[in-house]
């Protein structure tokens, strides 16, 4: 069983990784002038907002995240 402290640490690390990937994806949207995703990058969602989003918003957020992951490679 996972200890509560370990779980909290994992959540914090997840948030840090999400924030880093989001920043890279948002920068790629700006640098490559991807107008279809410009609105999605006007604000930075929290990890929880990302996880709770639906529909077109979720689709756009996923595209930004994918761009961010590609920047890590």
PDB file of N, CA and C in Angstrom:
ATOM      1  N   UNK A   1       0.839  -1.181   0.000  1.00  0.00           N
ATOM      2  CA  UNK A   1       0.000   0.000   0.000  1.00  0.00           C
ATOM      3  C   UNK A   1       0.884   1.245   0.000  1.00  0.00           C
ATOM      4  N   UNK A   2       0.492   2.239  -0.754  1.00  0.00           N
ATOM      5  CA  UNK A   2       1.245   3.481  -0.868  1.00  0.00           C
ATOM      6  C   UNK A   2       1.000   4.358   0.353  1.00  0.00           C
ATOM      7  N   UNK A   3       2.058   4.931   0.868  1.00  0.00           N
ATOM      8  CA  UNK A   3       1.943   5.835   2.006  1.00  0.00           C
ATOM      9  C   UNK A   3       1.370   7.169   1.534  1.00  0.00           C
ATOM     10  N   UNK A   4       0.623   7.873   2.390  1.00  0.00           N
ATOM     11  CA  UNK A   4       0.046   9.179   1.998  1.00  0.00           C
ATOM     12  C   UNK A   4       1.102  10.177   1.540  1.00  0.00           C
ATOM     13  N   UNK A   5       2.260  10.184   2.173  1.00  0.00           N
ATOM     14  CA  UNK A   5       3.318  11.124   1.780  1.00  0.00           C
ATOM     15  C   UNK A   5       3.812  10.800   0.376  1.00  0.00           C
ATOM     16  N   UNK A   6       3.978   9.510   0.069  1.00  0.00           N
ATOM     17  CA  UNK A   6       4.404   9.112  -1.267  1.00  0.00           C
ATOM     18  C   UNK A   6       3.384   9.532  -2.316  1.00  0.00           C
ATOM     19  N   UNK A   7       2.109   9.372  -1.989  1.00  0.00           N
ATOM     20  CA  UNK A   7       1.039   9.757  -2.914  1.00  0.00           C
ATOM     21  C   UNK A   7       1.061  11.266  -3.174  1.00  0.00           C
ATOM     22  N   UNK A   8       1.262  12.039  -2.112  1.00  0.00           N
ATOM     23  CA  UNK A   8       1.322  13.492  -2.268  1.00  0.00           C
ATOM     24  C   UNK A   8       2.523  13.886  -3.114  1.00  0.00           C
ATOM     25  N   UNK A   9       3.648  13.227  -2.908  1.00  0.00           N
ATOM     26  CA  UNK A   9       4.844  13.511  -3.697  1.00  0.00           C
ATOM     27  C   UNK A   9       4.599  13.172  -5.158  1.00  0.00           C
ATOM     28  N   UNK A  10       3.970  12.035  -5.409  1.00  0.00           N
ATOM     29  CA  UNK A  10       3.657  11.650  -6.789  1.00  0.00           C
ATOM     30  C   UNK A  10       2.752  12.682  -7.456  1.00  0.00           C
ATOM     31  N   UNK A  11       1.742  13.162  -6.739  1.00  0.00           N
ATOM     32  CA  UNK A  11       0.838  14.174  -7.298  1.00  0.00           C
ATOM     33  C   UNK A  11       1.597  15.456  -7.632  1.00  0.00           C
ATOM     34  N   UNK A  12       2.499  15.864  -6.755  1.00  0.00           N
ATOM     35  CA  UNK A  12       3.274  17.081  -6.999  1.00  0.00           C
ATOM     36  C   UNK A  12       4.190  16.905  -8.213  1.00  0.00           C
ATOM     37  N   UNK A  13       4.796  15.742  -8.324  1.00  0.00           N
ATOM     38  CA  UNK A  13       5.653  15.464  -9.477  1.00  0.00           C
ATOM     39  C   UNK A  13       4.834  15.427 -10.763  1.00  0.00           C
ATOM     40  N   UNK A  14       3.628  14.849 -10.696  1.00  0.00           N
ATOM     41  CA  UNK A  14       2.738  14.849 -11.867  1.00  0.00           C
ATOM     42  C   UNK A  14       2.422  16.273 -12.298  1.00  0.00           C
ATOM     43  N   UNK A  15       2.122  17.137 -11.336  1.00  0.00           N
ATOM     44  CA  UNK A  15       1.806  18.540 -11.649  1.00  0.00           C
ATOM     45  C   UNK A  15       3.006  19.253 -12.266  1.00  0.00           C
ATOM     46  N   UNK A  16       4.180  19.016 -11.718  1.00  0.00           N
ATOM     47  CA  UNK A  16       5.388  19.654 -12.252  1.00  0.00           C
ATOM     48  C   UNK A  16       5.657  19.200 -13.681  1.00  0.00           C
ATOM     49  N   UNK A  17       5.515  17.908 -13.933  1.00  0.00           N
ATOM     50  CA  UNK A  17       5.730  17.388 -15.278  1.00  0.00           C
ATOM     51  C   UNK A  17       4.686  17.944 -16.238  1.00  0.00           C
ATOM     52  N   UNK A  18       3.419  17.977 -15.811  1.00  0.00           N
ATOM     53  CA  UNK A  18       2.360  18.541 -16.652  1.00  0.00           C
ATOM     54  C   UNK A  18       2.667  19.990 -16.994  1.00  0.00           C
ATOM     55  N   UNK A  19       3.038  20.775 -15.987  1.00  0.00           N
ATOM     56  CA  UNK A  19       3.333  22.196 -16.211  1.00  0.00           C
ATOM     57  C   UNK A  19       4.481  22.367 -17.207  1.00  0.00           C
ATOM     58  N   UNK A  20       5.495  21.549 -17.085  1.00  0.00           N
ATOM     59  CA  UNK A  20       6.658  21.629 -17.993  1.00  0.00           C
ATOM     60  C   UNK A  20       6.242  21.275 -19.422  1.00  0.00           C
ATOM     61  N   UNK A  21       5.498  20.181 -19.561  1.00  0.00           N
ATOM     62  CA  UNK A  21       5.057  19.752 -20.894  1.00  0.00           C
ATOM     63  C   UNK A  21       4.109  20.788 -21.500  1.00  0.00           C
ATOM     64  N   UNK A  22       3.201  21.326 -20.681  1.00  0.00           N
ATOM     65  CA  UNK A  22       2.281  22.344 -21.183  1.00  0.00           C
ATOM     66  C   UNK A  22       3.051  23.563 -21.697  1.00  0.00           C
ATOM     67  N   UNK A  23       4.030  24.022 -20.933  1.00  0.00           N
ATOM     68  CA  UNK A  23       4.805  25.202 -21.332  1.00  0.00           C
ATOM     69  C   UNK A  23       5.512  24.959 -22.668  1.00  0.00           C
ATOM     70  N   UNK A  24       6.072  23.774 -22.841  1.00  0.00           N
ATOM     71  CA  UNK A  24       6.741  23.454 -24.109  1.00  0.00           C
ATOM     72  C   UNK A  24       5.742  23.395 -25.261  1.00  0.00           C
ATOM     73  N   UNK A  25       4.570  22.818 -25.012  1.00  0.00           N
ATOM     74  CA  UNK A  25       3.546  22.749 -26.054  1.00  0.00           C
ATOM     75  C   UNK A  25       3.016  24.117 -26.422  1.00  0.00           C
ATOM     76  N   UNK A  26       2.781  24.952 -25.415  1.00  0.00           N
ATOM     77  CA  UNK A  26       2.286  26.310 -25.677  1.00  0.00           C
ATOM     78  C   UNK A  26       3.317  27.114 -26.466  1.00  0.00           C
ATOM     79  N   UNK A  27       4.575  26.935 -26.130  1.00  0.00           N
ATOM     80  CA  UNK A  27       5.624  27.636 -26.873  1.00  0.00           C
ATOM     81  C   UNK A  27       5.668  27.152 -28.325  1.00  0.00           C
ATOM     82  N   UNK A  28       5.496  25.855 -28.541  1.00  0.00           N
ATOM     83  CA  UNK A  28       5.485  25.315 -29.905  1.00  0.00           C
ATOM     84  C   UNK A  28       4.311  25.875 -30.693  1.00  0.00           C
ATOM     85  N   UNK A  29       3.163  26.045 -30.049  1.00  0.00           N
ATOM     86  CA  UNK A  29       1.995  26.636 -30.717  1.00  0.00           C
ATOM     87  C   UNK A  29       2.332  28.059 -31.160  1.00  0.00           C
ATOM     88  N   UNK A  30       2.956  28.828 -30.276  1.00  0.00           N
ATOM     89  CA  UNK A  30       3.325  30.209 -30.616  1.00  0.00           C
ATOM     90  C   UNK A  30       4.408  30.251 -31.689  1.00  0.00           C
ATOM     91  N   UNK A  31       5.465  29.471 -31.491  1.00  0.00           N
ATOM     92  CA  UNK A  31       6.598  29.501 -32.421  1.00  0.00           C
ATOM     93  C   UNK A  31       6.203  29.076 -33.830  1.00  0.00           C
ATOM     94  N   UNK A  32       5.301  28.104 -33.909  1.00  0.00           N
ATOM     95  CA  UNK A  32       4.881  27.585 -35.214  1.00  0.00           C
ATOM     96  C   UNK A  32       3.593  28.232 -35.711  1.00  0.00           C
ATOM     97  N   UNK A  33       3.109  29.222 -34.972  1.00  0.00           N
ATOM     98  CA  UNK A  33       1.912  29.977 -35.336  1.00  0.00           C
ATOM     99  C   UNK A  33       0.748  29.057 -35.706  1.00  0.00           C
ATOM    100  N   UNK A  34       0.439  28.131 -34.791  1.00  0.00           N
ATOM    101  CA  UNK A  34      -0.662  27.190 -35.001  1.00  0.00           C
ATOM    102  C   UNK A  34      -1.937  27.858 -34.500  1.00  0.00           C
ATOM    103  N   UNK A  35      -2.587  28.568 -35.403  1.00  0.00           N
ATOM    104  CA  UNK A  35      -3.739  29.387 -35.012  1.00  0.00           C
ATOM    105  C   UNK A  35      -4.893  28.555 -34.466  1.00  0.00           C
ATOM    106  N   UNK A  36      -5.036  27.317 -34.917  1.00  0.00           N
ATOM    107  CA  UNK A  36      -6.133  26.473 -34.448  1.00  0.00           C
ATOM    108  C   UNK A  36      -6.029  26.166 -32.956  1.00  0.00           C
ATOM    109  N   UNK A  37      -4.825  26.273 -32.391  1.00  0.00           N
ATOM    110  CA  UNK A  37      -4.631  25.984 -30.970  1.00  0.00           C
ATOM    111  C   UNK A  37      -4.321  27.229 -30.142  1.00  0.00           C
ATOM    112  N   UNK A  38      -4.313  28.380 -30.785  1.00  0.00           N
ATOM    113  CA  UNK A  38      -3.954  29.618 -30.078  1.00  0.00           C
ATOM    114  C   UNK A  38      -4.875  29.891 -28.901  1.00  0.00           C
ATOM    115  N   UNK A  39      -6.167  29.693 -29.069  1.00  0.00           N
ATOM    116  CA  UNK A  39      -7.114  29.941 -27.973  1.00  0.00           C
ATOM    117  C   UNK A  39      -6.873  29.010 -26.795  1.00  0.00           C
ATOM    118  N   UNK A  40      -6.495  27.778 -27.077  1.00  0.00           N
ATOM    119  CA  UNK A  40      -6.263  26.800 -26.007  1.00  0.00           C
ATOM    120  C   UNK A  40      -5.084  27.190 -25.130  1.00  0.00           C
ATOM    121  N   UNK A  41      -4.172  27.980 -25.682  1.00  0.00           N
ATOM    122  CA  UNK A  41      -2.962  28.337 -24.934  1.00  0.00           C
ATOM    123  C   UNK A  41      -3.023  29.730 -24.315  1.00  0.00           C
ATOM    124  N   UNK A  42      -4.187  30.373 -24.367  1.00  0.00           N
ATOM    125  CA  UNK A  42      -4.314  31.700 -23.765  1.00  0.00           C
ATOM    126  C   UNK A  42      -4.157  31.658 -22.249  1.00  0.00           C
ATOM    127  N   UNK A  43      -4.534  30.533 -21.660  1.00  0.00           N
ATOM    128  CA  UNK A  43      -4.338  30.351 -20.227  1.00  0.00           C
ATOM    129  C   UNK A  43      -3.752  28.965 -19.993  1.00  0.00           C
ATOM    130  N   UNK A  44      -3.122  28.804 -18.874  1.00  0.00           N
ATOM    131  CA  UNK A  44      -2.501  27.533 -18.530  1.00  0.00           C
ATOM    132  C   UNK A  44      -3.437  26.760 -17.605  1.00  0.00           C
ATOM    133  N   UNK A  45      -3.916  25.602 -18.064  1.00  0.00           N
ATOM    134  CA  UNK A  45      -4.803  24.827 -17.204  1.00  0.00           C
ATOM    135  C   UNK A  45      -4.002  24.124 -16.103  1.00  0.00           C
ATOM    136  N   UNK A  46      -4.662  23.880 -14.994  1.00  0.00           N
ATOM    137  CA  UNK A  46      -4.034  23.028 -13.984  1.00  0.00           C
ATOM    138  C   UNK A  46      -4.174  21.587 -14.456  1.00  0.00           C
ATOM    139  N   UNK A  47      -3.432  20.713 -13.836  1.00  0.00           N
ATOM    140  CA  UNK A  47      -3.548  19.300 -14.168  1.00  0.00           C
ATOM    141  C   UNK A  47      -4.995  18.827 -13.958  1.00  0.00           C
ATOM    142  N   UNK A  48      -5.613  19.291 -12.901  1.00  0.00           N
ATOM    143  CA  UNK A  48      -6.983  18.895 -12.611  1.00  0.00           C
ATOM    144  C   UNK A  48      -7.964  19.420 -13.663  1.00  0.00           C
ATOM    145  N   UNK A  49      -7.771  20.646 -14.120  1.00  0.00           N
ATOM    146  CA  UNK A  49      -8.627  21.194 -15.183  1.00  0.00           C
ATOM    147  C   UNK A  49      -8.452  20.385 -16.463  1.00  0.00           C
ATOM    148  N   UNK A  50      -7.216  20.019 -16.753  1.00  0.00           N
ATOM    149  CA  UNK A  50      -6.949  19.193 -17.929  1.00  0.00           C
ATOM    150  C   UNK A  50      -7.686  17.858 -17.811  1.00  0.00           C
ATOM    151  N   UNK A  51      -7.569  17.219 -16.649  1.00  0.00           N
ATOM    152  CA  UNK A  51      -8.186  15.914 -16.450  1.00  0.00           C
ATOM    153  C   UNK A  51      -9.713  15.977 -16.496  1.00  0.00           C
ATOM    154  N   UNK A  52     -10.289  17.099 -16.114  1.00  0.00           N
ATOM    155  CA  UNK A  52     -11.745  17.235 -16.068  1.00  0.00           C
ATOM    156  C   UNK A  52     -12.354  17.856 -17.313  1.00  0.00           C
ATOM    157  N   UNK A  53     -11.541  18.243 -18.281  1.00  0.00           N
ATOM    158  CA  UNK A  53     -12.085  18.876 -19.485  1.00  0.00           C
ATOM    159  C   UNK A  53     -12.721  17.822 -20.396  1.00  0.00           C
ATOM    160  N   UNK A  54     -13.585  18.278 -21.278  1.00  0.00           N
ATOM    161  CA  UNK A  54     -14.330  17.381 -22.176  1.00  0.00           C
ATOM    162  C   UNK A  54     -14.452  18.020 -23.558  1.00  0.00           C
ATOM    163  N   UNK A  55     -14.855  17.231 -24.505  1.00  0.00           N
ATOM    164  CA  UNK A  55     -15.191  17.711 -25.840  1.00  0.00           C
ATOM    165  C   UNK A  55     -14.025  18.349 -26.581  1.00  0.00           C
ATOM    166  N   UNK A  56     -14.325  19.423 -27.293  1.00  0.00           N
ATOM    167  CA  UNK A  56     -13.317  20.099 -28.115  1.00  0.00           C
ATOM    168  C   UNK A  56     -12.193  20.670 -27.272  1.00  0.00           C
ATOM    169  N   UNK A  57     -12.525  21.170 -26.091  1.00  0.00           N
ATOM    170  CA  UNK A  57     -11.484  21.698 -25.206  1.00  0.00           C
ATOM    171  C   UNK A  57     -10.465  20.609 -24.882  1.00  0.00           C
ATOM    172  N   UNK A  58     -10.940  19.417 -24.528  1.00  0.00           N
ATOM    173  CA  UNK A  58     -10.037  18.308 -24.228  1.00  0.00           C
ATOM    174  C   UNK A  58      -9.199  17.956 -25.457  1.00  0.00           C
ATOM    175  N   UNK A  59      -9.819  17.928 -26.618  1.00  0.00           N
ATOM    176  CA  UNK A  59      -9.098  17.608 -27.852  1.00  0.00           C
ATOM    177  C   UNK A  59      -7.972  18.609 -28.095  1.00  0.00           C
ATOM    178  N   UNK A  60      -8.258  19.894 -27.892  1.00  0.00           N
ATOM    179  CA  UNK A  60      -7.235  20.925 -28.087  1.00  0.00           C
ATOM    180  C   UNK A  60      -6.128  20.814 -27.049  1.00  0.00           C
ATOM    181  N   UNK A  61      -6.494  20.556 -25.807  1.00  0.00           N
ATOM    182  CA  UNK A  61      -5.485  20.422 -24.756  1.00  0.00           C
ATOM    183  C   UNK A  61      -4.577  19.227 -25.034  1.00  0.00           C
ATOM    184  N   UNK A  62      -5.152  18.143 -25.499  1.00  0.00           N
ATOM    185  CA  UNK A  62      -4.346  16.963 -25.835  1.00  0.00           C
ATOM    186  C   UNK A  62      -3.348  17.288 -26.939  1.00  0.00           C
ATOM    187  N   UNK A  63      -3.777  18.055 -27.931  1.00  0.00           N
ATOM    188  CA  UNK A  63      -2.867  18.429 -29.025  1.00  0.00           C
ATOM    189  C   UNK A  63      -1.704  19.259 -28.499  1.00  0.00           C
ATOM    190  N   UNK A  64      -1.977  20.179 -27.579  1.00  0.00           N
ATOM    191  CA  UNK A  64      -0.904  20.995 -27.000  1.00  0.00           C
ATOM    192  C   UNK A  64       0.042  20.106 -26.193  1.00  0.00           C
ATOM    193  N   UNK A  65      -0.517  19.179 -25.431  1.00  0.00           N
ATOM    194  CA  UNK A  65       0.313  18.258 -24.646  1.00  0.00           C
ATOM    195  C   UNK A  65       1.182  17.401 -25.572  1.00  0.00           C
ATOM    196  N   UNK A  66       0.609  16.917 -26.656  1.00  0.00           N
ATOM    197  CA  UNK A  66       1.392  16.117 -27.604  1.00  0.00           C
ATOM    198  C   UNK A  66       2.544  16.928 -28.193  1.00  0.00           C
ATOM    199  N   UNK A  67       2.286  18.194 -28.502  1.00  0.00           N
ATOM    200  CA  UNK A  67       3.362  19.069 -28.986  1.00  0.00           C
ATOM    201  C   UNK A  67       4.449  19.214 -27.918  1.00  0.00           C
ATOM    202  N   UNK A  68       4.037  19.383 -26.673  1.00  0.00           N
ATOM    203  CA  UNK A  68       4.991  19.510 -25.584  1.00  0.00           C
ATOM    204  C   UNK A  68       5.835  18.271 -25.420  1.00  0.00           C
ATOM    205  N   UNK A  69       5.209  17.116 -25.507  1.00  0.00           N
ATOM    206  CA  UNK A  69       5.963  15.851 -25.378  1.00  0.00           C
ATOM    207  C   UNK A  69       6.948  15.722 -26.522  1.00  0.00           C
ATOM    208  N   UNK A  70       6.537  16.114 -27.721  1.00  0.00           N
ATOM    209  CA  UNK A  70       7.451  16.018 -28.868  1.00  0.00           C
ATOM    210  C   UNK A  70       8.663  16.935 -28.685  1.00  0.00           C
ATOM    211  N   UNK A  71       8.484  18.034 -27.949  1.00  0.00           N
ATOM    212  CA  UNK A  71       9.596  18.949 -27.694  1.00  0.00           C
ATOM    213  C   UNK A  71      10.590  18.357 -26.696  1.00  0.00           C
ATOM    214  N   UNK A  72      10.137  17.421 -25.874  1.00  0.00           N
ATOM    215  CA  UNK A  72      11.033  16.781 -24.903  1.00  0.00           C
ATOM    216  C   UNK A  72      11.991  15.804 -25.562  1.00  0.00           C
ATOM    217  N   UNK A  73      11.620  15.311 -26.717  1.00  0.00           N
ATOM    218  CA  UNK A  73      12.432  14.266 -27.385  1.00  0.00           C
ATOM    219  C   UNK A  73      13.657  14.803 -27.994  1.00  0.00           C
TER     220      UNK A  73
END
